[in-house]
């Protein structure tokens, strides 16, 4: 299985880091970087460009590790699941379908099309 542990390393290798890793990003590069992420992550990219972010934790609902996904640099903190901005390798717990939304499949068992009750 292939896993990305440091997203910024991948961006640097692709020539798409735009100076975000060091907090020095030109206005043109910032505009391009913001266009590459979902709208909800644009403020995060802007903060990275200003150099004010070193560790970021995205908290969500309950998951296997308490809802923390480590996306910043390694600091020994307890959030250790790497997150990718593309979402291609999400490792959190899957959402379970509530029982109330599951249809009553037993209702269809009472009648079969091949039954002739003439």
PDB file of N, CA and C in Angstrom:
ATOM      1  N   UNK A   1       0.838  -1.175   0.000  1.00  0.00           N
ATOM      2  CA  UNK A   1       0.000   0.000   0.000  1.00  0.00           C
ATOM      3  C   UNK A   1       0.886   1.243   0.000  1.00  0.00           C
ATOM      4  N   UNK A   2       0.529   2.224  -0.786  1.00  0.00           N
ATOM      5  CA  UNK A   2       1.276   3.468  -0.887  1.00  0.00           C
ATOM      6  C   UNK A   2       0.642   4.517   0.013  1.00  0.00           C
ATOM      7  N   UNK A   3       1.440   5.147   0.859  1.00  0.00           N
ATOM      8  CA  UNK A   3       0.940   6.184   1.750  1.00  0.00           C
ATOM      9  C   UNK A   3       1.849   7.394   1.684  1.00  0.00           C
ATOM     10  N   UNK A   4       1.260   8.573   1.686  1.00  0.00           N
ATOM     11  CA  UNK A   4       2.029   9.807   1.710  1.00  0.00           C
ATOM     12  C   UNK A   4       2.074  10.285   3.152  1.00  0.00           C
ATOM     13  N   UNK A   5       3.275  10.439   3.692  1.00  0.00           N
ATOM     14  CA  UNK A   5       3.400  10.866   5.078  1.00  0.00           C
ATOM     15  C   UNK A   5       3.638  12.359   5.212  1.00  0.00           C
ATOM     16  N   UNK A   6       4.162  12.995   4.211  1.00  0.00           N
ATOM     17  CA  UNK A   6       4.424  14.426   4.278  1.00  0.00           C
ATOM     18  C   UNK A   6       3.995  15.049   2.957  1.00  0.00           C
ATOM     19  N   UNK A   7       2.831  15.665   2.965  1.00  0.00           N
ATOM     20  CA  UNK A   7       2.268  16.228   1.739  1.00  0.00           C
ATOM     21  C   UNK A   7       3.167  17.278   1.105  1.00  0.00           C
ATOM     22  N   UNK A   8       3.842  18.085   1.904  1.00  0.00           N
ATOM     23  CA  UNK A   8       4.658  19.157   1.352  1.00  0.00           C
ATOM     24  C   UNK A   8       5.844  18.600   0.568  1.00  0.00           C
ATOM     25  N   UNK A   9       6.365  17.433   0.973  1.00  0.00           N
ATOM     26  CA  UNK A   9       7.454  16.808   0.219  1.00  0.00           C
ATOM     27  C   UNK A   9       6.996  16.437  -1.185  1.00  0.00           C
ATOM     28  N   UNK A  10       5.799  15.921  -1.288  1.00  0.00           N
ATOM     29  CA  UNK A  10       5.249  15.562  -2.594  1.00  0.00           C
ATOM     30  C   UNK A  10       5.070  16.816  -3.437  1.00  0.00           C
ATOM     31  N   UNK A  11       4.540  17.872  -2.837  1.00  0.00           N
ATOM     32  CA  UNK A  11       4.348  19.125  -3.577  1.00  0.00           C
ATOM     33  C   UNK A  11       5.681  19.696  -4.048  1.00  0.00           C
ATOM     34  N   UNK A  12       6.713  19.628  -3.201  1.00  0.00           N
ATOM     35  CA  UNK A  12       8.029  20.130  -3.603  1.00  0.00           C
ATOM     36  C   UNK A  12       8.560  19.349  -4.796  1.00  0.00           C
ATOM     37  N   UNK A  13       8.421  18.035  -4.763  1.00  0.00           N
ATOM     38  CA  UNK A  13       8.921  17.205  -5.867  1.00  0.00           C
ATOM     39  C   UNK A  13       8.178  17.482  -7.167  1.00  0.00           C
ATOM     40  N   UNK A  14       6.930  17.886  -7.055  1.00  0.00           N
ATOM     41  CA  UNK A  14       6.131  18.196  -8.243  1.00  0.00           C
ATOM     42  C   UNK A  14       6.287  19.656  -8.665  1.00  0.00           C
ATOM     43  N   UNK A  15       7.056  20.434  -7.894  1.00  0.00           N
ATOM     44  CA  UNK A  15       7.234  21.843  -8.206  1.00  0.00           C
ATOM     45  C   UNK A  15       6.005  22.677  -7.893  1.00  0.00           C
ATOM     46  N   UNK A  16       5.200  22.217  -6.947  1.00  0.00           N
ATOM     47  CA  UNK A  16       3.955  22.912  -6.637  1.00  0.00           C
ATOM     48  C   UNK A  16       3.905  23.408  -5.192  1.00  0.00           C
ATOM     49  N   UNK A  17       5.032  23.477  -4.495  1.00  0.00           N
ATOM     50  CA  UNK A  17       5.032  23.909  -3.096  1.00  0.00           C
ATOM     51  C   UNK A  17       4.800  25.411  -2.975  1.00  0.00           C
ATOM     52  N   UNK A  18       5.170  26.157  -3.982  1.00  0.00           N
ATOM     53  CA  UNK A  18       4.926  27.605  -4.063  1.00  0.00           C
ATOM     54  C   UNK A  18       5.517  28.377  -2.889  1.00  0.00           C
ATOM     55  N   UNK A  19       6.515  27.838  -2.216  1.00  0.00           N
ATOM     56  CA  UNK A  19       7.098  28.515  -1.067  1.00  0.00           C
ATOM     57  C   UNK A  19       6.301  28.358   0.211  1.00  0.00           C
ATOM     58  N   UNK A  20       5.234  27.574   0.185  1.00  0.00           N
ATOM     59  CA  UNK A  20       4.389  27.391   1.368  1.00  0.00           C
ATOM     60  C   UNK A  20       5.139  26.723   2.511  1.00  0.00           C
ATOM     61  N   UNK A  21       6.093  25.848   2.187  1.00  0.00           N
ATOM     62  CA  UNK A  21       6.805  25.103   3.224  1.00  0.00           C
ATOM     63  C   UNK A  21       7.686  25.997   4.085  1.00  0.00           C
ATOM     64  N   UNK A  22       8.055  27.163   3.584  1.00  0.00           N
ATOM     65  CA  UNK A  22       8.898  28.078   4.351  1.00  0.00           C
ATOM     66  C   UNK A  22       8.177  29.378   4.695  1.00  0.00           C
ATOM     67  N   UNK A  23       6.922  29.483   4.327  1.00  0.00           N
ATOM     68  CA  UNK A  23       6.143  30.679   4.637  1.00  0.00           C
ATOM     69  C   UNK A  23       6.468  31.869   3.764  1.00  0.00           C
ATOM     70  N   UNK A  24       7.063  31.628   2.600  1.00  0.00           N
ATOM     71  CA  UNK A  24       7.392  32.703   1.663  1.00  0.00           C
ATOM     72  C   UNK A  24       6.766  32.368   0.325  1.00  0.00           C
ATOM     73  N   UNK A  25       5.645  32.985   0.056  1.00  0.00           N
ATOM     74  CA  UNK A  25       4.886  32.665  -1.144  1.00  0.00           C
ATOM     75  C   UNK A  25       4.508  33.968  -1.838  1.00  0.00           C
ATOM     76  N   UNK A  26       4.817  34.087  -3.120  1.00  0.00           N
ATOM     77  CA  UNK A  26       4.462  35.294  -3.862  1.00  0.00           C
ATOM     78  C   UNK A  26       2.943  35.358  -4.038  1.00  0.00           C
ATOM     79  N   UNK A  27       2.392  36.544  -4.266  1.00  0.00           N
ATOM     80  CA  UNK A  27       0.938  36.657  -4.475  1.00  0.00           C
ATOM     81  C   UNK A  27       0.430  35.789  -5.624  1.00  0.00           C
ATOM     82  N   UNK A  28       1.227  35.673  -6.684  1.00  0.00           N
ATOM     83  CA  UNK A  28       0.819  34.838  -7.818  1.00  0.00           C
ATOM     84  C   UNK A  28       0.788  33.364  -7.425  1.00  0.00           C
ATOM     85  N   UNK A  29       1.840  32.932  -6.695  1.00  0.00           N
ATOM     86  CA  UNK A  29       1.892  31.540  -6.248  1.00  0.00           C
ATOM     87  C   UNK A  29       0.784  31.238  -5.243  1.00  0.00           C
ATOM     88  N   UNK A  30       0.473  32.207  -4.380  1.00  0.00           N
ATOM     89  CA  UNK A  30      -0.604  32.020  -3.409  1.00  0.00           C
ATOM     90  C   UNK A  30      -1.940  31.848  -4.120  1.00  0.00           C
ATOM     91  N   UNK A  31      -2.156  32.652  -5.146  1.00  0.00           N
ATOM     92  CA  UNK A  31      -3.409  32.540  -5.916  1.00  0.00           C
ATOM     93  C   UNK A  31      -3.507  31.159  -6.560  1.00  0.00           C
ATOM     94  N   UNK A  32      -2.389  30.684  -7.121  1.00  0.00           N
ATOM     95  CA  UNK A  32      -2.385  29.366  -7.752  1.00  0.00           C
ATOM     96  C   UNK A  32      -2.599  28.263  -6.715  1.00  0.00           C
ATOM     97  N   UNK A  33      -1.931  28.368  -5.562  1.00  0.00           N
ATOM     98  CA  UNK A  33      -2.057  27.352  -4.516  1.00  0.00           C
ATOM     99  C   UNK A  33      -3.480  27.297  -3.979  1.00  0.00           C
ATOM    100  N   UNK A  34      -4.102  28.444  -3.796  1.00  0.00           N
ATOM    101  CA  UNK A  34      -5.486  28.474  -3.301  1.00  0.00           C
ATOM    102  C   UNK A  34      -6.447  27.877  -4.318  1.00  0.00           C
ATOM    103  N   UNK A  35      -6.116  27.988  -5.594  1.00  0.00           N
ATOM    104  CA  UNK A  35      -7.006  27.426  -6.622  1.00  0.00           C
ATOM    105  C   UNK A  35      -6.921  25.900  -6.676  1.00  0.00           C
ATOM    106  N   UNK A  36      -5.880  25.324  -6.077  1.00  0.00           N
ATOM    107  CA  UNK A  36      -5.682  23.877  -6.106  1.00  0.00           C
ATOM    108  C   UNK A  36      -6.367  23.135  -4.962  1.00  0.00           C
ATOM    109  N   UNK A  37      -6.875  23.868  -3.981  1.00  0.00           N
ATOM    110  CA  UNK A  37      -7.492  23.225  -2.818  1.00  0.00           C
ATOM    111  C   UNK A  37      -8.978  23.559  -2.762  1.00  0.00           C
ATOM    112  N   UNK A  38      -9.758  22.762  -2.045  1.00  0.00           N
ATOM    113  CA  UNK A  38     -11.178  23.086  -1.868  1.00  0.00           C
ATOM    114  C   UNK A  38     -11.336  24.432  -1.161  1.00  0.00           C
ATOM    115  N   UNK A  39     -12.441  25.088  -1.409  1.00  0.00           N
ATOM    116  CA  UNK A  39     -12.697  26.415  -0.858  1.00  0.00           C
ATOM    117  C   UNK A  39     -12.539  26.450   0.667  1.00  0.00           C
ATOM    118  N   UNK A  40     -12.928  25.386   1.344  1.00  0.00           N
ATOM    119  CA  UNK A  40     -12.836  25.339   2.807  1.00  0.00           C
ATOM    120  C   UNK A  40     -11.390  25.381   3.296  1.00  0.00           C
ATOM    121  N   UNK A  41     -10.432  24.983   2.458  1.00  0.00           N
ATOM    122  CA  UNK A  41      -9.026  24.956   2.866  1.00  0.00           C
ATOM    123  C   UNK A  41      -8.251  26.201   2.445  1.00  0.00           C
ATOM    124  N   UNK A  42      -8.887  27.116   1.729  1.00  0.00           N
ATOM    125  CA  UNK A  42      -8.189  28.316   1.276  1.00  0.00           C
ATOM    126  C   UNK A  42      -7.608  29.142   2.425  1.00  0.00           C
ATOM    127  N   UNK A  43      -8.341  29.337   3.545  1.00  0.00           N
ATOM    128  CA  UNK A  43      -7.735  30.090   4.659  1.00  0.00           C
ATOM    129  C   UNK A  43      -6.488  29.400   5.228  1.00  0.00           C
ATOM    130  N   UNK A  44      -6.491  28.079   5.247  1.00  0.00           N
ATOM    131  CA  UNK A  44      -5.337  27.314   5.714  1.00  0.00           C
ATOM    132  C   UNK A  44      -4.125  27.583   4.820  1.00  0.00           C
ATOM    133  N   UNK A  45      -4.333  27.600   3.511  1.00  0.00           N
ATOM    134  CA  UNK A  45      -3.243  27.861   2.564  1.00  0.00           C
ATOM    135  C   UNK A  45      -2.726  29.283   2.757  1.00  0.00           C
ATOM    136  N   UNK A  46      -3.636  30.233   2.970  1.00  0.00           N
ATOM    137  CA  UNK A  46      -3.230  31.620   3.195  1.00  0.00           C
ATOM    138  C   UNK A  46      -2.380  31.730   4.459  1.00  0.00           C
ATOM    139  N   UNK A  47      -2.773  31.036   5.530  1.00  0.00           N
ATOM    140  CA  UNK A  47      -1.980  31.051   6.767  1.00  0.00           C
ATOM    141  C   UNK A  47      -0.618  30.409   6.553  1.00  0.00           C
ATOM    142  N   UNK A  48      -0.574  29.331   5.776  1.00  0.00           N
ATOM    143  CA  UNK A  48       0.716  28.695   5.474  1.00  0.00           C
ATOM    144  C   UNK A  48       1.627  29.668   4.743  1.00  0.00           C
ATOM    145  N   UNK A  49       1.063  30.427   3.804  1.00  0.00           N
ATOM    146  CA  UNK A  49       1.853  31.369   3.022  1.00  0.00           C
ATOM    147  C   UNK A  49       2.437  32.467   3.908  1.00  0.00           C
ATOM    148  N   UNK A  50       1.731  32.781   4.998  1.00  0.00           N
ATOM    149  CA  UNK A  50       2.213  33.803   5.930  1.00  0.00           C
ATOM    150  C   UNK A  50       3.203  33.229   6.936  1.00  0.00           C
ATOM    151  N   UNK A  51       3.343  31.900   6.944  1.00  0.00           N
ATOM    152  CA  UNK A  51       4.297  31.253   7.837  1.00  0.00           C
ATOM    153  C   UNK A  51       3.823  31.123   9.264  1.00  0.00           C
ATOM    154  N   UNK A  52       2.526  31.249   9.499  1.00  0.00           N
ATOM    155  CA  UNK A  52       2.025  31.215  10.875  1.00  0.00           C
ATOM    156  C   UNK A  52       1.527  29.846  11.307  1.00  0.00           C
ATOM    157  N   UNK A  53       1.658  28.832  10.465  1.00  0.00           N
ATOM    158  CA  UNK A  53       1.183  27.492  10.815  1.00  0.00           C
ATOM    159  C   UNK A  53       2.367  26.539  10.871  1.00  0.00           C
ATOM    160  N   UNK A  54       2.473  25.796  11.975  1.00  0.00           N
ATOM    161  CA  UNK A  54       3.482  24.739  12.026  1.00  0.00           C
ATOM    162  C   UNK A  54       2.824  23.382  12.177  1.00  0.00           C
ATOM    163  N   UNK A  55       1.723  23.301  12.910  1.00  0.00           N
ATOM    164  CA  UNK A  55       0.976  22.051  13.072  1.00  0.00           C
ATOM    165  C   UNK A  55      -0.504  22.347  12.927  1.00  0.00           C
ATOM    166  N   UNK A  56      -1.193  21.493  12.205  1.00  0.00           N
ATOM    167  CA  UNK A  56      -2.631  21.671  12.021  1.00  0.00           C
ATOM    168  C   UNK A  56      -3.316  20.354  12.297  1.00  0.00           C
ATOM    169  N   UNK A  57      -4.344  20.410  13.109  1.00  0.00           N
ATOM    170  CA  UNK A  57      -5.147  19.230  13.386  1.00  0.00           C
ATOM    171  C   UNK A  57      -6.557  19.514  12.929  1.00  0.00           C
ATOM    172  N   UNK A  58      -7.100  18.609  12.128  1.00  0.00           N
ATOM    173  CA  UNK A  58      -8.478  18.726  11.683  1.00  0.00           C
ATOM    174  C   UNK A  58      -9.290  17.821  12.581  1.00  0.00           C
ATOM    175  N   UNK A  59     -10.209  18.394  13.325  1.00  0.00           N
ATOM    176  CA  UNK A  59     -11.021  17.572  14.205  1.00  0.00           C
ATOM    177  C   UNK A  59     -12.336  17.278  13.529  1.00  0.00           C
ATOM    178  N   UNK A  60     -12.774  16.065  13.691  1.00  0.00           N
ATOM    179  CA  UNK A  60     -14.032  15.649  13.092  1.00  0.00           C
ATOM    180  C   UNK A  60     -14.828  14.868  14.095  1.00  0.00           C
ATOM    181  N   UNK A  61     -15.750  14.086  13.616  1.00  0.00           N
ATOM    182  CA  UNK A  61     -16.560  13.244  14.481  1.00  0.00           C
ATOM    183  C   UNK A  61     -15.704  12.161  15.100  1.00  0.00           C
ATOM    184  N   UNK A  62     -16.336  11.229  15.742  1.00  0.00           N
ATOM    185  CA  UNK A  62     -15.578  10.164  16.386  1.00  0.00           C
ATOM    186  C   UNK A  62     -14.919   9.288  15.335  1.00  0.00           C
ATOM    187  N   UNK A  63     -13.686   8.958  15.579  1.00  0.00           N
ATOM    188  CA  UNK A  63     -12.966   8.070  14.674  1.00  0.00           C
ATOM    189  C   UNK A  63     -12.028   7.217  15.505  1.00  0.00           C
ATOM    190  N   UNK A  64     -11.301   6.378  14.852  1.00  0.00           N
ATOM    191  CA  UNK A  64     -10.433   5.429  15.545  1.00  0.00           C
ATOM    192  C   UNK A  64      -9.380   6.126  16.396  1.00  0.00           C
ATOM    193  N   UNK A  65      -8.939   7.316  16.013  1.00  0.00           N
ATOM    194  CA  UNK A  65      -7.901   7.991  16.781  1.00  0.00           C
ATOM    195  C   UNK A  65      -8.406   9.274  17.434  1.00  0.00           C
ATOM    196  N   UNK A  66      -9.693   9.363  17.711  1.00  0.00           N
ATOM    197  CA  UNK A  66     -10.216  10.529  18.401  1.00  0.00           C
ATOM    198  C   UNK A  66     -10.509  11.695  17.487  1.00  0.00           C
ATOM    199  N   UNK A  67     -10.475  11.508  16.179  1.00  0.00           N
ATOM    200  CA  UNK A  67     -10.821  12.573  15.249  1.00  0.00           C
ATOM    201  C   UNK A  67      -9.684  13.506  14.911  1.00  0.00           C
ATOM    202  N   UNK A  68      -8.437  13.145  15.233  1.00  0.00           N
ATOM    203  CA  UNK A  68      -7.315  14.019  14.925  1.00  0.00           C
ATOM    204  C   UNK A  68      -6.521  13.474  13.755  1.00  0.00           C
ATOM    205  N   UNK A  69      -6.240  14.343  12.802  1.00  0.00           N
ATOM    206  CA  UNK A  69      -5.446  13.970  11.637  1.00  0.00           C
ATOM    207  C   UNK A  69      -4.305  14.961  11.538  1.00  0.00           C
ATOM    208  N   UNK A  70      -3.090  14.482  11.626  1.00  0.00           N
ATOM    209  CA  UNK A  70      -1.917  15.340  11.627  1.00  0.00           C
ATOM    210  C   UNK A  70      -1.571  15.721  10.199  1.00  0.00           C
ATOM    211  N   UNK A  71      -1.537  17.038   9.932  1.00  0.00           N
ATOM    212  CA  UNK A  71      -1.195  17.471   8.582  1.00  0.00           C
ATOM    213  C   UNK A  71       0.033  18.363   8.557  1.00  0.00           C
ATOM    214  N   UNK A  72       0.576  18.741   9.714  1.00  0.00           N
ATOM    215  CA  UNK A  72       1.733  19.616   9.757  1.00  0.00           C
ATOM    216  C   UNK A  72       3.021  18.833   9.867  1.00  0.00           C
ATOM    217  N   UNK A  73       4.075  19.516  10.299  1.00  0.00           N
ATOM    218  CA  UNK A  73       5.363  18.845  10.433  1.00  0.00           C
ATOM    219  C   UNK A  73       5.375  17.987  11.687  1.00  0.00           C
ATOM    220  N   UNK A  74       6.293  17.047  11.746  1.00  0.00           N
ATOM    221  CA  UNK A  74       6.381  16.134  12.877  1.00  0.00           C
ATOM    222  C   UNK A  74       6.808  16.896  14.126  1.00  0.00           C
ATOM    223  N   UNK A  75       6.081  16.715  15.224  1.00  0.00           N
ATOM    224  CA  UNK A  75       6.454  17.387  16.460  1.00  0.00           C
ATOM    225  C   UNK A  75       6.308  16.473  17.658  1.00  0.00           C
ATOM    226  N   UNK A  76       6.026  15.185  17.435  1.00  0.00           N
ATOM    227  CA  UNK A  76       5.866  14.260  18.532  1.00  0.00           C
ATOM    228  C   UNK A  76       4.488  14.325  19.161  1.00  0.00           C
ATOM    229  N   UNK A  77       3.577  15.055  18.573  1.00  0.00           N
ATOM    230  CA  UNK A  77       2.219  15.141  19.106  1.00  0.00           C
ATOM    231  C   UNK A  77       1.495  13.834  18.839  1.00  0.00           C
ATOM    232  N   UNK A  78       0.343  13.653  19.486  1.00  0.00           N
ATOM    233  CA  UNK A  78      -0.329  12.363  19.377  1.00  0.00           C
ATOM    234  C   UNK A  78      -1.184  12.218  18.126  1.00  0.00           C
ATOM    235  N   UNK A  79      -1.373  13.234  17.317  1.00  0.00           N
ATOM    236  CA  UNK A  79      -2.115  13.077  16.062  1.00  0.00           C
ATOM    237  C   UNK A  79      -1.172  12.579  15.000  1.00  0.00           C
ATOM    238  N   UNK A  80      -1.287  11.321  14.605  1.00  0.00           N
ATOM    239  CA  UNK A  80      -0.266  10.756  13.736  1.00  0.00           C
ATOM    240  C   UNK A  80      -0.766  10.312  12.380  1.00  0.00           C
ATOM    241  N   UNK A  81      -2.053  10.356  12.127  1.00  0.00           N
ATOM    242  CA  UNK A  81      -2.520   9.958  10.807  1.00  0.00           C
ATOM    243  C   UNK A  81      -2.230  11.067   9.818  1.00  0.00           C
ATOM    244  N   UNK A  82      -1.550  10.746   8.748  1.00  0.00           N
ATOM    245  CA  UNK A  82      -1.258  11.743   7.731  1.00  0.00           C
ATOM    246  C   UNK A  82      -2.506  11.991   6.908  1.00  0.00           C
ATOM    247  N   UNK A  83      -2.680  13.231   6.508  1.00  0.00           N
ATOM    248  CA  UNK A  83      -3.847  13.590   5.710  1.00  0.00           C
ATOM    249  C   UNK A  83      -3.372  14.130   4.383  1.00  0.00           C
ATOM    250  N   UNK A  84      -4.076  13.858   3.350  1.00  0.00           N
ATOM    251  CA  UNK A  84      -3.749  14.363   2.031  1.00  0.00           C
ATOM    252  C   UNK A  84      -4.840  15.311   1.603  1.00  0.00           C
ATOM    253  N   UNK A  85      -4.465  16.418   0.975  1.00  0.00           N
ATOM    254  CA  UNK A  85      -5.480  17.373   0.554  1.00  0.00           C
ATOM    255  C   UNK A  85      -6.381  16.799  -0.523  1.00  0.00           C
ATOM    256  N   UNK A  86      -5.922  15.770  -1.214  1.00  0.00           N
ATOM    257  CA  UNK A  86      -6.770  15.166  -2.237  1.00  0.00           C
ATOM    258  C   UNK A  86      -7.752  14.170  -1.647  1.00  0.00           C
ATOM    259  N   UNK A  87      -7.506  13.728  -0.430  1.00  0.00           N
ATOM    260  CA  UNK A  87      -8.407  12.779   0.216  1.00  0.00           C
ATOM    261  C   UNK A  87      -8.337  11.387  -0.376  1.00  0.00           C
ATOM    262  N   UNK A  88      -7.237  11.061  -1.050  1.00  0.00           N
ATOM    263  CA  UNK A  88      -7.173   9.793  -1.765  1.00  0.00           C
ATOM    264  C   UNK A  88      -6.868   8.600  -0.877  1.00  0.00           C
ATOM    265  N   UNK A  89      -6.436   8.819   0.368  1.00  0.00           N
ATOM    266  CA  UNK A  89      -6.108   7.677   1.215  1.00  0.00           C
ATOM    267  C   UNK A  89      -6.671   7.840   2.614  1.00  0.00           C
ATOM    268  N   UNK A  90      -7.894   8.232   2.715  1.00  0.00           N
ATOM    269  CA  UNK A  90      -8.541   8.441   4.012  1.00  0.00           C
ATOM    270  C   UNK A  90      -8.510   7.157   4.813  1.00  0.00           C
ATOM    271  N   UNK A  91      -8.005   7.226   6.038  1.00  0.00           N
ATOM    272  CA  UNK A  91      -7.838   6.034   6.857  1.00  0.00           C
ATOM    273  C   UNK A  91      -8.760   6.001   8.065  1.00  0.00           C
ATOM    274  N   UNK A  92      -9.621   6.984   8.213  1.00  0.00           N
ATOM    275  CA  UNK A  92     -10.492   7.041   9.384  1.00  0.00           C
ATOM    276  C   UNK A  92     -11.580   5.995   9.327  1.00  0.00           C
ATOM    277  N   UNK A  93     -12.379   5.951  10.386  1.00  0.00           N
ATOM    278  CA  UNK A  93     -13.453   4.964  10.414  1.00  0.00           C
ATOM    279  C   UNK A  93     -14.554   5.363   9.438  1.00  0.00           C
ATOM    280  N   UNK A  94     -15.177   4.380   8.848  1.00  0.00           N
ATOM    281  CA  UNK A  94     -16.246   4.648   7.893  1.00  0.00           C
ATOM    282  C   UNK A  94     -17.538   4.939   8.630  1.00  0.00           C
ATOM    283  N   UNK A  95     -18.376   5.715   7.992  1.00  0.00           N
ATOM    284  CA  UNK A  95     -19.657   6.061   8.586  1.00  0.00           C
ATOM    285  C   UNK A  95     -20.596   4.875   8.448  1.00  0.00           C
ATOM    286  N   UNK A  96     -21.216   4.491   9.545  1.00  0.00           N
ATOM    287  CA  UNK A  96     -22.153   3.375   9.531  1.00  0.00           C
ATOM    288  C   UNK A  96     -23.536   3.884   9.164  1.00  0.00           C
ATOM    289  N   UNK A  97     -24.269   3.116   8.393  1.00  0.00           N
ATOM    290  CA  UNK A  97     -25.631   3.470   8.032  1.00  0.00           C
ATOM    291  C   UNK A  97     -26.536   3.183   9.216  1.00  0.00           C
ATOM    292  N   UNK A  98     -27.286   4.190   9.670  1.00  0.00           N
ATOM    293  CA  UNK A  98     -28.194   3.946  10.790  1.00  0.00           C
ATOM    294  C   UNK A  98     -29.238   2.903  10.419  1.00  0.00           C
ATOM    295  N   UNK A  99     -29.624   2.102  11.380  1.00  0.00           N
ATOM    296  CA  UNK A  99     -30.588   1.031  11.145  1.00  0.00           C
ATOM    297  C   UNK A  99     -31.912   1.605  10.669  1.00  0.00           C
ATOM    298  N   UNK A 100     -32.267   2.791  11.131  1.00  0.00           N
ATOM    299  CA  UNK A 100     -33.553   3.375  10.755  1.00  0.00           C
ATOM    300  C   UNK A 100     -33.634   3.683   9.264  1.00  0.00           C
ATOM    301  N   UNK A 101     -32.491   3.839   8.594  1.00  0.00           N
ATOM    302  CA  UNK A 101     -32.492   4.115   7.163  1.00  0.00           C
ATOM    303  C   UNK A 101     -32.483   2.850   6.319  1.00  0.00           C
ATOM    304  N   UNK A 102     -32.254   1.737   6.938  1.00  0.00           N
ATOM    305  CA  UNK A 102     -32.218   0.487   6.187  1.00  0.00           C
ATOM    306  C   UNK A 102     -33.649   0.042   5.935  1.00  0.00           C
ATOM    307  N   UNK A 103     -33.955  -0.259   4.705  1.00  0.00           N
ATOM    308  CA  UNK A 103     -35.312  -0.665   4.346  1.00  0.00           C
ATOM    309  C   UNK A 103     -35.654  -2.032   4.894  1.00  0.00           C
ATOM    310  N   UNK A 104     -36.930  -2.297   5.069  1.00  0.00           N
ATOM    311  CA  UNK A 104     -37.377  -3.617   5.509  1.00  0.00           C
ATOM    312  C   UNK A 104     -37.342  -4.547   4.312  1.00  0.00           C
ATOM    313  N   UNK A 105     -36.304  -5.329   4.226  1.00  0.00           N
ATOM    314  CA  UNK A 105     -36.151  -6.232   3.090  1.00  0.00           C
ATOM    315  C   UNK A 105     -37.017  -7.470   3.245  1.00  0.00           C
ATOM    316  N   UNK A 106     -37.533  -7.727   4.447  1.00  0.00           N
ATOM    317  CA  UNK A 106     -38.372  -8.897   4.681  1.00  0.00           C
ATOM    318  C   UNK A 106     -39.719  -8.784   3.975  1.00  0.00           C
ATOM    319  N   UNK A 107     -40.182  -7.565   3.710  1.00  0.00           N
ATOM    320  CA  UNK A 107     -41.482  -7.363   3.076  1.00  0.00           C
ATOM    321  C   UNK A 107     -41.545  -8.001   1.693  1.00  0.00           C
ATOM    322  N   UNK A 108     -40.437  -8.011   0.975  1.00  0.00           N
ATOM    323  CA  UNK A 108     -40.419  -8.549  -0.379  1.00  0.00           C
ATOM    324  C   UNK A 108     -40.389 -10.073  -0.399  1.00  0.00           C
ATOM    325  N   UNK A 109     -40.060 -10.698   0.710  1.00  0.00           N
ATOM    326  CA  UNK A 109     -39.963 -12.154   0.756  1.00  0.00           C
ATOM    327  C   UNK A 109     -41.330 -12.842   0.742  1.00  0.00           C
ATOM    328  N   UNK A 110     -42.384 -12.134   1.074  1.00  0.00           N
ATOM    329  CA  UNK A 110     -43.716 -12.733   1.151  1.00  0.00           C
ATOM    330  C   UNK A 110     -44.285 -13.075  -0.221  1.00  0.00           C
ATOM    331  N   UNK A 111     -43.845 -12.394  -1.254  1.00  0.00           N
ATOM    332  CA  UNK A 111     -44.406 -12.600  -2.585  1.00  0.00           C
ATOM    333  C   UNK A 111     -43.275 -12.765  -3.587  1.00  0.00           C
ATOM    334  N   UNK A 112     -43.349 -13.771  -4.383  1.00  0.00           N
ATOM    335  CA  UNK A 112     -42.384 -13.962  -5.463  1.00  0.00           C
ATOM    336  C   UNK A 112     -43.145 -13.975  -6.765  1.00  0.00           C
ATOM    337  N   UNK A 113     -42.557 -13.447  -7.805  1.00  0.00           N
ATOM    338  CA  UNK A 113     -43.237 -13.335  -9.092  1.00  0.00           C
ATOM    339  C   UNK A 113     -43.606 -14.690  -9.684  1.00  0.00           C
ATOM    340  N   UNK A 114     -42.858 -15.717  -9.374  1.00  0.00           N
ATOM    341  CA  UNK A 114     -43.107 -17.037  -9.949  1.00  0.00           C
ATOM    342  C   UNK A 114     -44.205 -17.809  -9.225  1.00  0.00           C
ATOM    343  N   UNK A 115     -44.655 -17.298  -8.084  1.00  0.00           N
ATOM    344  CA  UNK A 115     -45.724 -17.975  -7.341  1.00  0.00           C
ATOM    345  C   UNK A 115     -47.058 -17.751  -8.035  1.00  0.00           C
ATOM    346  N   UNK A 116     -47.750 -18.831  -8.352  1.00  0.00           N
ATOM    347  CA  UNK A 116     -49.095 -18.737  -8.930  1.00  0.00           C
ATOM    348  C   UNK A 116     -50.075 -19.263  -7.905  1.00  0.00           C
ATOM    349  N   UNK A 117     -50.860 -18.370  -7.349  1.00  0.00           N
ATOM    350  CA  UNK A 117     -51.836 -18.769  -6.348  1.00  0.00           C
ATOM    351  C   UNK A 117     -53.231 -18.749  -6.948  1.00  0.00           C
ATOM    352  N   UNK A 118     -53.445 -19.268  -8.146  1.00  0.00           N
ATOM    353  CA  UNK A 118     -54.750 -19.270  -8.821  1.00  0.00           C
ATOM    354  C   UNK A 118     -55.619 -20.361  -8.333  1.00  0.00           C
TER     355      UNK A 118
END
